[in-house]
Amino acid sequence: MTQHERPSQEEFDNSARWYKSVTPKYTLDWYVKWVASVFVLSAMSIRGIMELAPYDLGLSIIGVTLWLWVSLLWKDRALIVLNSVGLLFLIKTFVMSIIQ
């Protein structure tokens, strides 16, 4: 096999040289996790710009809520705790910003 040839499916399946995702693709949770990741990364990209803080908070709430949904679909307790607590912190910040 030359450097640019694709391996046969059998070579790919039996090799440790290629990274193989264990997550099923194109399922509901797959789409939700990618949309959630886009929201979280968008929020992170504007973090630190004071004029955009409300957008950061809104994007973060949406992204973390979607990740919480994925973690519930996966029944992954660590992700459920992480995203639940993160969402509580974000909602607290949102409520405090409305009160002030």
PDB file of N, CA and C in Angstrom:
ATOM      1  N   MET A   1       0.854  -1.182   0.000  1.00  0.00           N
ATOM      2  CA  MET A   1       0.000   0.000   0.000  1.00  0.00           C
ATOM      3  C   MET A   1       0.896   1.240   0.000  1.00  0.00           C
ATOM      4  N   THR A   2       0.629   2.162  -0.900  1.00  0.00           N
ATOM      5  CA  THR A   2       1.395   3.404  -0.947  1.00  0.00           C
ATOM      6  C   THR A   2       0.863   4.362   0.103  1.00  0.00           C
ATOM      7  N   GLN A   3       1.548   5.484   0.248  1.00  0.00           N
ATOM      8  CA  GLN A   3       1.217   6.439   1.304  1.00  0.00           C
ATOM      9  C   GLN A   3      -0.195   7.009   1.174  1.00  0.00           C
ATOM     10  N   HIS A   4      -0.712   7.163  -0.044  1.00  0.00           N
ATOM     11  CA  HIS A   4      -1.998   7.830  -0.229  1.00  0.00           C
ATOM     12  C   HIS A   4      -3.140   6.878  -0.567  1.00  0.00           C
ATOM     13  N   GLU A   5      -2.889   5.587  -0.570  1.00  0.00           N
ATOM     14  CA  GLU A   5      -3.957   4.624  -0.836  1.00  0.00           C
ATOM     15  C   GLU A   5      -4.822   4.455   0.400  1.00  0.00           C
ATOM     16  N   ARG A   6      -6.100   4.248   0.157  1.00  0.00           N
ATOM     17  CA  ARG A   6      -6.995   3.946   1.273  1.00  0.00           C
ATOM     18  C   ARG A   6      -6.824   2.479   1.642  1.00  0.00           C
ATOM     19  N   PRO A   7      -6.818   2.163   2.914  1.00  0.00           N
ATOM     20  CA  PRO A   7      -6.711   0.753   3.304  1.00  0.00           C
ATOM     21  C   PRO A   7      -8.021   0.030   2.980  1.00  0.00           C
ATOM     22  N   SER A   8      -7.934  -1.261   2.854  1.00  0.00           N
ATOM     23  CA  SER A   8      -9.159  -2.037   2.680  1.00  0.00           C
ATOM     24  C   SER A   8      -9.936  -1.978   3.992  1.00  0.00           C
ATOM     25  N   GLN A   9     -11.209  -2.279   3.927  1.00  0.00           N
ATOM     26  CA  GLN A   9     -12.032  -2.246   5.142  1.00  0.00           C
ATOM     27  C   GLN A   9     -11.488  -3.224   6.176  1.00  0.00           C
ATOM     28  N   GLU A  10     -11.019  -4.381   5.730  1.00  0.00           N
ATOM     29  CA  GLU A  10     -10.468  -5.376   6.652  1.00  0.00           C
ATOM     30  C   GLU A  10      -9.205  -4.849   7.332  1.00  0.00           C
ATOM     31  N   GLU A  11      -8.310  -4.214   6.551  1.00  0.00           N
ATOM     32  CA  GLU A  11      -7.098  -3.627   7.138  1.00  0.00           C
ATOM     33  C   GLU A  11      -7.458  -2.552   8.159  1.00  0.00           C
ATOM     34  N   PHE A  12      -8.428  -1.731   7.809  1.00  0.00           N
ATOM     35  CA  PHE A  12      -8.859  -0.659   8.707  1.00  0.00           C
ATOM     36  C   PHE A  12      -9.427  -1.235   9.997  1.00  0.00           C
ATOM     37  N   ASP A  13     -10.315  -2.218   9.877  1.00  0.00           N
ATOM     38  CA  ASP A  13     -10.967  -2.807  11.051  1.00  0.00           C
ATOM     39  C   ASP A  13      -9.982  -3.496  11.982  1.00  0.00           C
ATOM     40  N   ASN A  14      -8.926  -4.088  11.423  1.00  0.00           N
ATOM     41  CA  ASN A  14      -7.980  -4.868  12.224  1.00  0.00           C
ATOM     42  C   ASN A  14      -6.725  -4.098  12.611  1.00  0.00           C
ATOM     43  N   SER A  15      -6.691  -2.805  12.354  1.00  0.00           N
ATOM     44  CA  SER A  15      -5.495  -2.013  12.622  1.00  0.00           C
ATOM     45  C   SER A  15      -5.706  -1.080  13.808  1.00  0.00           C
ATOM     46  N   ALA A  16      -4.634  -0.841  14.540  1.00  0.00           N
ATOM     47  CA  ALA A  16      -4.672   0.127  15.640  1.00  0.00           C
ATOM     48  C   ALA A  16      -4.097   1.468  15.197  1.00  0.00           C
ATOM     49  N   ARG A  17      -3.699   1.587  13.932  1.00  0.00           N
ATOM     50  CA  ARG A  17      -3.077   2.820  13.448  1.00  0.00           C
ATOM     51  C   ARG A  17      -4.085   3.918  13.165  1.00  0.00           C
ATOM     52  N   TRP A  18      -5.319   3.583  12.887  1.00  0.00           N
ATOM     53  CA  TRP A  18      -6.334   4.573  12.553  1.00  0.00           C
ATOM     54  C   TRP A  18      -7.268   4.747  13.726  1.00  0.00           C
ATOM     55  N   TYR A  19      -7.622   5.997  13.984  1.00  0.00           N
ATOM     56  CA  TYR A  19      -8.569   6.295  15.063  1.00  0.00           C
ATOM     57  C   TYR A  19      -9.970   5.945  14.588  1.00  0.00           C
ATOM     58  N   LYS A  20     -10.670   5.158  15.380  1.00  0.00           N
ATOM     59  CA  LYS A  20     -12.030   4.759  15.036  1.00  0.00           C
ATOM     60  C   LYS A  20     -12.968   5.262  16.128  1.00  0.00           C
ATOM     61  N   SER A  21     -13.927   6.059  15.754  1.00  0.00           N
ATOM     62  CA  SER A  21     -14.891   6.586  16.716  1.00  0.00           C
ATOM     63  C   SER A  21     -15.797   5.466  17.207  1.00  0.00           C
ATOM     64  N   VAL A  22     -16.044   5.457  18.509  1.00  0.00           N
ATOM     65  CA  VAL A  22     -16.959   4.455  19.063  1.00  0.00           C
ATOM     66  C   VAL A  22     -18.376   5.001  19.172  1.00  0.00           C
ATOM     67  N   THR A  23     -18.533   6.294  18.957  1.00  0.00           N
ATOM     68  CA  THR A  23     -19.853   6.914  19.040  1.00  0.00           C
ATOM     69  C   THR A  23     -20.609   6.677  17.738  1.00  0.00           C
ATOM     70  N   PRO A  24     -21.840   6.181  17.833  1.00  0.00           N
ATOM     71  CA  PRO A  24     -22.628   6.026  16.601  1.00  0.00           C
ATOM     72  C   PRO A  24     -22.824   7.378  15.920  1.00  0.00           C
ATOM     73  N   LYS A  25     -22.844   7.367  14.601  1.00  0.00           N
ATOM     74  CA  LYS A  25     -22.974   8.615  13.846  1.00  0.00           C
ATOM     75  C   LYS A  25     -24.390   8.772  13.313  1.00  0.00           C
ATOM     76  N   TYR A  26     -24.789  10.042  13.174  1.00  0.00           N
ATOM     77  CA  TYR A  26     -26.050  10.445  12.545  1.00  0.00           C
ATOM     78  C   TYR A  26     -27.288   9.991  13.321  1.00  0.00           C
ATOM     79  N   THR A  27     -27.134   9.830  14.630  1.00  0.00           N
ATOM     80  CA  THR A  27     -28.271   9.570  15.506  1.00  0.00           C
ATOM     81  C   THR A  27     -28.669  10.897  16.144  1.00  0.00           C
ATOM     82  N   LEU A  28     -29.802  10.920  16.836  1.00  0.00           N
ATOM     83  CA  LEU A  28     -30.262  12.155  17.477  1.00  0.00           C
ATOM     84  C   LEU A  28     -29.191  12.735  18.394  1.00  0.00           C
ATOM     85  N   ASP A  29     -28.618  11.910  19.263  1.00  0.00           N
ATOM     86  CA  ASP A  29     -27.609  12.414  20.198  1.00  0.00           C
ATOM     87  C   ASP A  29     -26.372  12.934  19.476  1.00  0.00           C
ATOM     88  N   TRP A  30     -26.023  12.343  18.331  1.00  0.00           N
ATOM     89  CA  TRP A  30     -24.873  12.802  17.561  1.00  0.00           C
ATOM     90  C   TRP A  30     -25.101  14.223  17.064  1.00  0.00           C
ATOM     91  N   TYR A  31     -26.284  14.495  16.502  1.00  0.00           N
ATOM     92  CA  TYR A  31     -26.600  15.841  16.015  1.00  0.00           C
ATOM     93  C   TYR A  31     -26.670  16.841  17.171  1.00  0.00           C
ATOM     94  N   VAL A  32     -27.320  16.451  18.267  1.00  0.00           N
ATOM     95  CA  VAL A  32     -27.478  17.370  19.402  1.00  0.00           C
ATOM     96  C   VAL A  32     -26.123  17.720  20.003  1.00  0.00           C
ATOM     97  N   LYS A  33     -25.224  16.738  20.137  1.00  0.00           N
ATOM     98  CA  LYS A  33     -23.914  17.040  20.745  1.00  0.00           C
ATOM     99  C   LYS A  33     -23.109  17.998  19.877  1.00  0.00           C
ATOM    100  N   TRP A  34     -23.222  17.884  18.544  1.00  0.00           N
ATOM    101  CA  TRP A  34     -22.479  18.795  17.674  1.00  0.00           C
ATOM    102  C   TRP A  34     -23.080  20.196  17.686  1.00  0.00           C
ATOM    103  N   VAL A  35     -24.400  20.284  17.700  1.00  0.00           N
ATOM    104  CA  VAL A  35     -25.044  21.606  17.797  1.00  0.00           C
ATOM    105  C   VAL A  35     -24.690  22.239  19.139  1.00  0.00           C
ATOM    106  N   ALA A  36     -24.755  21.446  20.214  1.00  0.00           N
ATOM    107  CA  ALA A  36     -24.397  21.947  21.543  1.00  0.00           C
ATOM    108  C   ALA A  36     -22.958  22.438  21.569  1.00  0.00           C
ATOM    109  N   SER A  37     -22.064  21.699  20.949  1.00  0.00           N
ATOM    110  CA  SER A  37     -20.651  22.088  20.923  1.00  0.00           C
ATOM    111  C   SER A  37     -20.445  23.393  20.170  1.00  0.00           C
ATOM    112  N   VAL A  38     -21.194  23.596  19.087  1.00  0.00           N
ATOM    113  CA  VAL A  38     -21.100  24.861  18.344  1.00  0.00           C
ATOM    114  C   VAL A  38     -21.537  26.022  19.234  1.00  0.00           C
ATOM    115  N   PHE A  39     -22.620  25.839  19.992  1.00  0.00           N
ATOM    116  CA  PHE A  39     -23.079  26.900  20.895  1.00  0.00           C
ATOM    117  C   PHE A  39     -22.035  27.194  21.971  1.00  0.00           C
ATOM    118  N   VAL A  40     -21.493  26.163  22.597  1.00  0.00           N
ATOM    119  CA  VAL A  40     -20.503  26.373  23.663  1.00  0.00           C
ATOM    120  C   VAL A  40     -19.244  27.035  23.104  1.00  0.00           C
ATOM    121  N   LEU A  41     -18.769  26.576  21.958  1.00  0.00           N
ATOM    122  CA  LEU A  41     -17.574  27.186  21.360  1.00  0.00           C
ATOM    123  C   LEU A  41     -17.831  28.623  20.919  1.00  0.00           C
ATOM    124  N   SER A  42     -19.031  28.905  20.428  1.00  0.00           N
ATOM    125  CA  SER A  42     -19.381  30.286  20.059  1.00  0.00           C
ATOM    126  C   SER A  42     -19.348  31.183  21.289  1.00  0.00           C
ATOM    127  N   ALA A  43     -19.904  30.686  22.389  1.00  0.00           N
ATOM    128  CA  ALA A  43     -19.883  31.459  23.634  1.00  0.00           C
ATOM    129  C   ALA A  43     -18.449  31.702  24.092  1.00  0.00           C
ATOM    130  N   MET A  44     -17.629  30.669  24.030  1.00  0.00           N
ATOM    131  CA  MET A  44     -16.238  30.807  24.457  1.00  0.00           C
ATOM    132  C   MET A  44     -15.471  31.785  23.575  1.00  0.00           C
ATOM    133  N   SER A  45     -15.839  31.859  22.307  1.00  0.00           N
ATOM    134  CA  SER A  45     -15.108  32.736  21.386  1.00  0.00           C
ATOM    135  C   SER A  45     -15.352  34.215  21.665  1.00  0.00           C
ATOM    136  N   ILE A  46     -16.468  34.547  22.312  1.00  0.00           N
ATOM    137  CA  ILE A  46     -16.752  35.960  22.614  1.00  0.00           C
ATOM    138  C   ILE A  46     -16.578  36.283  24.097  1.00  0.00           C
ATOM    139  N   ARG A  47     -16.189  35.294  24.874  1.00  0.00           N
ATOM    140  CA  ARG A  47     -15.991  35.507  26.307  1.00  0.00           C
ATOM    141  C   ARG A  47     -14.871  36.519  26.511  1.00  0.00           C
ATOM    142  N   GLY A  48     -15.056  37.438  27.419  1.00  0.00           N
ATOM    143  CA  GLY A  48     -14.047  38.463  27.681  1.00  0.00           C
ATOM    144  C   GLY A  48     -14.335  39.773  26.980  1.00  0.00           C
ATOM    145  N   ILE A  49     -15.288  39.780  26.063  1.00  0.00           N
ATOM    146  CA  ILE A  49     -15.710  41.029  25.420  1.00  0.00           C
ATOM    147  C   ILE A  49     -16.956  41.492  26.178  1.00  0.00           C
ATOM    148  N   MET A  50     -16.787  42.478  27.026  1.00  0.00           N
ATOM    149  CA  MET A  50     -17.848  42.878  27.957  1.00  0.00           C
ATOM    150  C   MET A  50     -19.161  43.225  27.258  1.00  0.00           C
ATOM    151  N   GLU A  51     -19.075  43.852  26.093  1.00  0.00           N
ATOM    152  CA  GLU A  51     -20.295  44.249  25.385  1.00  0.00           C
ATOM    153  C   GLU A  51     -21.093  43.030  24.913  1.00  0.00           C
ATOM    154  N   LEU A  52     -20.439  41.896  24.786  1.00  0.00           N
ATOM    155  CA  LEU A  52     -21.098  40.685  24.292  1.00  0.00           C
ATOM    156  C   LEU A  52     -21.428  39.689  25.402  1.00  0.00           C
ATOM    157  N   ALA A  53     -21.267  40.107  26.655  1.00  0.00           N
ATOM    158  CA  ALA A  53     -21.515  39.206  27.785  1.00  0.00           C
ATOM    159  C   ALA A  53     -22.918  38.597  27.772  1.00  0.00           C
ATOM    160  N   PRO A  54     -23.980  39.366  27.441  1.00  0.00           N
ATOM    161  CA  PRO A  54     -25.310  38.733  27.401  1.00  0.00           C
ATOM    162  C   PRO A  54     -25.406  37.629  26.340  1.00  0.00           C
ATOM    163  N   TYR A  55     -24.732  37.820  25.207  1.00  0.00           N
ATOM    164  CA  TYR A  55     -24.742  36.795  24.159  1.00  0.00           C
ATOM    165  C   TYR A  55     -23.953  35.563  24.603  1.00  0.00           C
ATOM    166  N   ASP A  56     -22.833  35.811  25.274  1.00  0.00           N
ATOM    167  CA  ASP A  56     -22.031  34.720  25.829  1.00  0.00           C
ATOM    168  C   ASP A  56     -22.893  33.884  26.769  1.00  0.00           C
ATOM    169  N   LEU A  57     -23.611  34.554  27.653  1.00  0.00           N
ATOM    170  CA  LEU A  57     -24.451  33.860  28.624  1.00  0.00           C
ATOM    171  C   LEU A  57     -25.565  33.078  27.926  1.00  0.00           C
ATOM    172  N   GLY A  58     -26.212  33.694  26.965  1.00  0.00           N
ATOM    173  CA  GLY A  58     -27.293  33.020  26.242  1.00  0.00           C
ATOM    174  C   GLY A  58     -26.807  31.804  25.471  1.00  0.00           C
ATOM    175  N   LEU A  59     -25.700  31.964  24.751  1.00  0.00           N
ATOM    176  CA  LEU A  59     -25.139  30.840  24.000  1.00  0.00           C
ATOM    177  C   LEU A  59     -24.687  29.719  24.935  1.00  0.00           C
ATOM    178  N   SER A  60     -24.115  30.099  26.072  1.00  0.00           N
ATOM    179  CA  SER A  60     -23.668  29.101  27.047  1.00  0.00           C
ATOM    180  C   SER A  60     -24.844  28.320  27.616  1.00  0.00           C
ATOM    181  N   ILE A  61     -25.914  29.025  27.958  1.00  0.00           N
ATOM    182  CA  ILE A  61     -27.097  28.349  28.507  1.00  0.00           C
ATOM    183  C   ILE A  61     -27.660  27.353  27.496  1.00  0.00           C
ATOM    184  N   ILE A  62     -27.763  27.764  26.245  1.00  0.00           N
ATOM    185  CA  ILE A  62     -28.284  26.860  25.210  1.00  0.00           C
ATOM    186  C   ILE A  62     -27.360  25.653  25.041  1.00  0.00           C
ATOM    187  N   GLY A  63     -26.058  25.908  24.920  1.00  0.00           N
ATOM    188  CA  GLY A  63     -25.104  24.820  24.714  1.00  0.00           C
ATOM    189  C   GLY A  63     -25.063  23.834  25.862  1.00  0.00           C
ATOM    190  N   VAL A  64     -25.034  24.342  27.084  1.00  0.00           N
ATOM    191  CA  VAL A  64     -24.969  23.455  28.251  1.00  0.00           C
ATOM    192  C   VAL A  64     -26.286  22.696  28.424  1.00  0.00           C
ATOM    193  N   THR A  65     -27.408  23.343  28.128  1.00  0.00           N
ATOM    194  CA  THR A  65     -28.698  22.647  28.190  1.00  0.00           C
ATOM    195  C   THR A  65     -28.730  21.491  27.192  1.00  0.00           C
ATOM    196  N   LEU A  66     -28.248  21.739  25.984  1.00  0.00           N
ATOM    197  CA  LEU A  66     -28.212  20.671  24.984  1.00  0.00           C
ATOM    198  C   LEU A  66     -27.256  19.551  25.397  1.00  0.00           C
ATOM    199  N   TRP A  67     -26.117  19.921  25.985  1.00  0.00           N
ATOM    200  CA  TRP A  67     -25.197  18.887  26.460  1.00  0.00           C
ATOM    201  C   TRP A  67     -25.804  18.106  27.619  1.00  0.00           C
ATOM    202  N   LEU A  68     -26.603  18.768  28.453  1.00  0.00           N
ATOM    203  CA  LEU A  68     -27.300  18.056  29.528  1.00  0.00           C
ATOM    204  C   LEU A  68     -28.254  17.026  28.932  1.00  0.00           C
ATOM    205  N   TRP A  69     -28.955  17.404  27.879  1.00  0.00           N
ATOM    206  CA  TRP A  69     -29.860  16.479  27.195  1.00  0.00           C
ATOM    207  C   TRP A  69     -29.086  15.262  26.671  1.00  0.00           C
ATOM    208  N   VAL A  70     -27.945  15.515  26.034  1.00  0.00           N
ATOM    209  CA  VAL A  70     -27.123  14.412  25.525  1.00  0.00           C
ATOM    210  C   VAL A  70     -26.672  13.516  26.675  1.00  0.00           C
ATOM    211  N   SER A  71     -26.225  14.120  27.767  1.00  0.00           N
ATOM    212  CA  SER A  71     -25.746  13.315  28.893  1.00  0.00           C
ATOM    213  C   SER A  71     -26.870  12.470  29.487  1.00  0.00           C
ATOM    214  N   LEU A  72     -28.102  12.986  29.458  1.00  0.00           N
ATOM    215  CA  LEU A  72     -29.248  12.192  29.916  1.00  0.00           C
ATOM    216  C   LEU A  72     -29.538  11.051  28.937  1.00  0.00           C
ATOM    217  N   LEU A  73     -29.440  11.321  27.644  1.00  0.00           N
ATOM    218  CA  LEU A  73     -29.629  10.259  26.649  1.00  0.00           C
ATOM    219  C   LEU A  73     -28.582   9.160  26.819  1.00  0.00           C
ATOM    220  N   TRP A  74     -27.356   9.569  27.132  1.00  0.00           N
ATOM    221  CA  TRP A  74     -26.264   8.612  27.312  1.00  0.00           C
ATOM    222  C   TRP A  74     -26.269   7.966  28.696  1.00  0.00           C
ATOM    223  N   LYS A  75     -27.059   8.522  29.622  1.00  0.00           N
ATOM    224  CA  LYS A  75     -27.078   8.060  31.020  1.00  0.00           C
ATOM    225  C   LYS A  75     -25.674   8.101  31.636  1.00  0.00           C
ATOM    226  N   ASP A  76     -24.947   9.170  31.323  1.00  0.00           N
ATOM    227  CA  ASP A  76     -23.577   9.355  31.802  1.00  0.00           C
ATOM    228  C   ASP A  76     -23.624  10.280  33.016  1.00  0.00           C
ATOM    229  N   ARG A  77     -23.469   9.697  34.201  1.00  0.00           N
ATOM    230  CA  ARG A  77     -23.639  10.464  35.443  1.00  0.00           C
ATOM    231  C   ARG A  77     -22.655  11.614  35.580  1.00  0.00           C
ATOM    232  N   ALA A  78     -21.416  11.410  35.183  1.00  0.00           N
ATOM    233  CA  ALA A  78     -20.424  12.489  35.302  1.00  0.00           C
ATOM    234  C   ALA A  78     -20.832  13.682  34.444  1.00  0.00           C
ATOM    235  N   LEU A  79     -21.276  13.429  33.207  1.00  0.00           N
ATOM    236  CA  LEU A  79     -21.716  14.527  32.341  1.00  0.00           C
ATOM    237  C   LEU A  79     -23.014  15.143  32.840  1.00  0.00           C
ATOM    238  N   ILE A  80     -23.888  14.329  33.418  1.00  0.00           N
ATOM    239  CA  ILE A  80     -25.138  14.866  33.978  1.00  0.00           C
ATOM    240  C   ILE A  80     -24.825  15.831  35.111  1.00  0.00           C
ATOM    241  N   VAL A  81     -23.927  15.437  36.015  1.00  0.00           N
ATOM    242  CA  VAL A  81     -23.557  16.311  37.137  1.00  0.00           C
ATOM    243  C   VAL A  81     -22.882  17.573  36.612  1.00  0.00           C
ATOM    244  N   LEU A  82     -21.904  17.417  35.732  1.00  0.00           N
ATOM    245  CA  LEU A  82     -21.170  18.566  35.190  1.00  0.00           C
ATOM    246  C   LEU A  82     -22.114  19.573  34.540  1.00  0.00           C
ATOM    247  N   ASN A  83     -22.978  19.099  33.657  1.00  0.00           N
ATOM    248  CA  ASN A  83     -23.849  20.010  32.920  1.00  0.00           C
ATOM    249  C   ASN A  83     -24.998  20.540  33.769  1.00  0.00           C
ATOM    250  N   SER A  84     -25.487  19.765  34.726  1.00  0.00           N
ATOM    251  CA  SER A  84     -26.530  20.258  35.637  1.00  0.00           C
ATOM    252  C   SER A  84     -26.005  21.396  36.500  1.00  0.00           C
ATOM    253  N   VAL A  85     -24.846  21.187  37.091  1.00  0.00           N
ATOM    254  CA  VAL A  85     -24.258  22.222  37.947  1.00  0.00           C
ATOM    255  C   VAL A  85     -23.868  23.433  37.106  1.00  0.00           C
ATOM    256  N   GLY A  86     -23.285  23.195  35.944  1.00  0.00           N
ATOM    257  CA  GLY A  86     -22.940  24.306  35.055  1.00  0.00           C
ATOM    258  C   GLY A  86     -24.162  25.112  34.665  1.00  0.00           C
ATOM    259  N   LEU A  87     -25.263  24.422  34.352  1.00  0.00           N
ATOM    260  CA  LEU A  87     -26.498  25.115  33.987  1.00  0.00           C
ATOM    261  C   LEU A  87     -27.043  25.921  35.163  1.00  0.00           C
ATOM    262  N   LEU A  88     -26.960  25.370  36.371  1.00  0.00           N
ATOM    263  CA  LEU A  88     -27.402  26.129  37.552  1.00  0.00           C
ATOM    264  C   LEU A  88     -26.585  27.408  37.721  1.00  0.00           C
ATOM    265  N   PHE A  89     -25.266  27.322  37.565  1.00  0.00           N
ATOM    266  CA  PHE A  89     -24.420  28.520  37.658  1.00  0.00           C
ATOM    267  C   PHE A  89     -24.804  29.553  36.599  1.00  0.00           C
ATOM    268  N   LEU A  90     -25.027  29.087  35.372  1.00  0.00           N
ATOM    269  CA  LEU A  90     -25.386  30.004  34.287  1.00  0.00           C
ATOM    270  C   LEU A  90     -26.745  30.649  34.526  1.00  0.00           C
ATOM    271  N   ILE A  91     -27.705  29.872  35.000  1.00  0.00           N
ATOM    272  CA  ILE A  91     -29.039  30.427  35.278  1.00  0.00           C
ATOM    273  C   ILE A  91     -28.964  31.430  36.421  1.00  0.00           C
ATOM    274  N   LYS A  92     -28.160  31.129  37.448  1.00  0.00           N
ATOM    275  CA  LYS A  92     -27.976  32.078  38.560  1.00  0.00           C
ATOM    276  C   LYS A  92     -27.419  33.398  38.035  1.00  0.00           C
ATOM    277  N   THR A  93     -26.418  33.322  37.173  1.00  0.00           N
ATOM    278  CA  THR A  93     -25.835  34.531  36.588  1.00  0.00           C
ATOM    279  C   THR A  93     -26.861  35.279  35.758  1.00  0.00           C
ATOM    280  N   PHE A  94     -27.675  34.557  35.000  1.00  0.00           N
ATOM    281  CA  PHE A  94     -28.724  35.169  34.182  1.00  0.00           C
ATOM    282  C   PHE A  94     -29.740  35.899  35.063  1.00  0.00           C
ATOM    283  N   VAL A  95     -30.193  35.240  36.123  1.00  0.00           N
ATOM    284  CA  VAL A  95     -31.166  35.860  37.039  1.00  0.00           C
ATOM    285  C   VAL A  95     -30.558  37.085  37.707  1.00  0.00           C
ATOM    286  N   MET A  96     -29.310  36.983  38.150  1.00  0.00           N
ATOM    287  CA  MET A  96     -28.650  38.124  38.796  1.00  0.00           C
ATOM    288  C   MET A  96     -28.513  39.298  37.829  1.00  0.00           C
ATOM    289  N   SER A  97     -28.274  39.017  36.553  1.00  0.00           N
ATOM    290  CA  SER A  97     -28.138  40.105  35.578  1.00  0.00           C
ATOM    291  C   SER A  97     -29.479  40.778  35.313  1.00  0.00           C
ATOM    292  N   ILE A  98     -30.562  40.053  35.445  1.00  0.00           N
ATOM    293  CA  ILE A  98     -31.896  40.642  35.263  1.00  0.00           C
ATOM    294  C   ILE A  98     -32.269  41.498  36.467  1.00  0.00           C
ATOM    295  N   ILE A  99     -31.935  41.019  37.670  1.00  0.00           N
ATOM    296  CA  ILE A  99     -32.281  41.735  38.906  1.00  0.00           C
ATOM    297  C   ILE A  99     -31.552  43.066  38.985  1.00  0.00           C
ATOM    298  N   GLN A 100     -30.310  43.121  38.540  1.00  0.00           N
ATOM    299  CA  GLN A 100     -29.510  44.350  38.674  1.00  0.00           C
ATOM    300  C   GLN A 100     -29.893  45.380  37.664  1.00  0.00           C
TER     301      GLN A 100
END
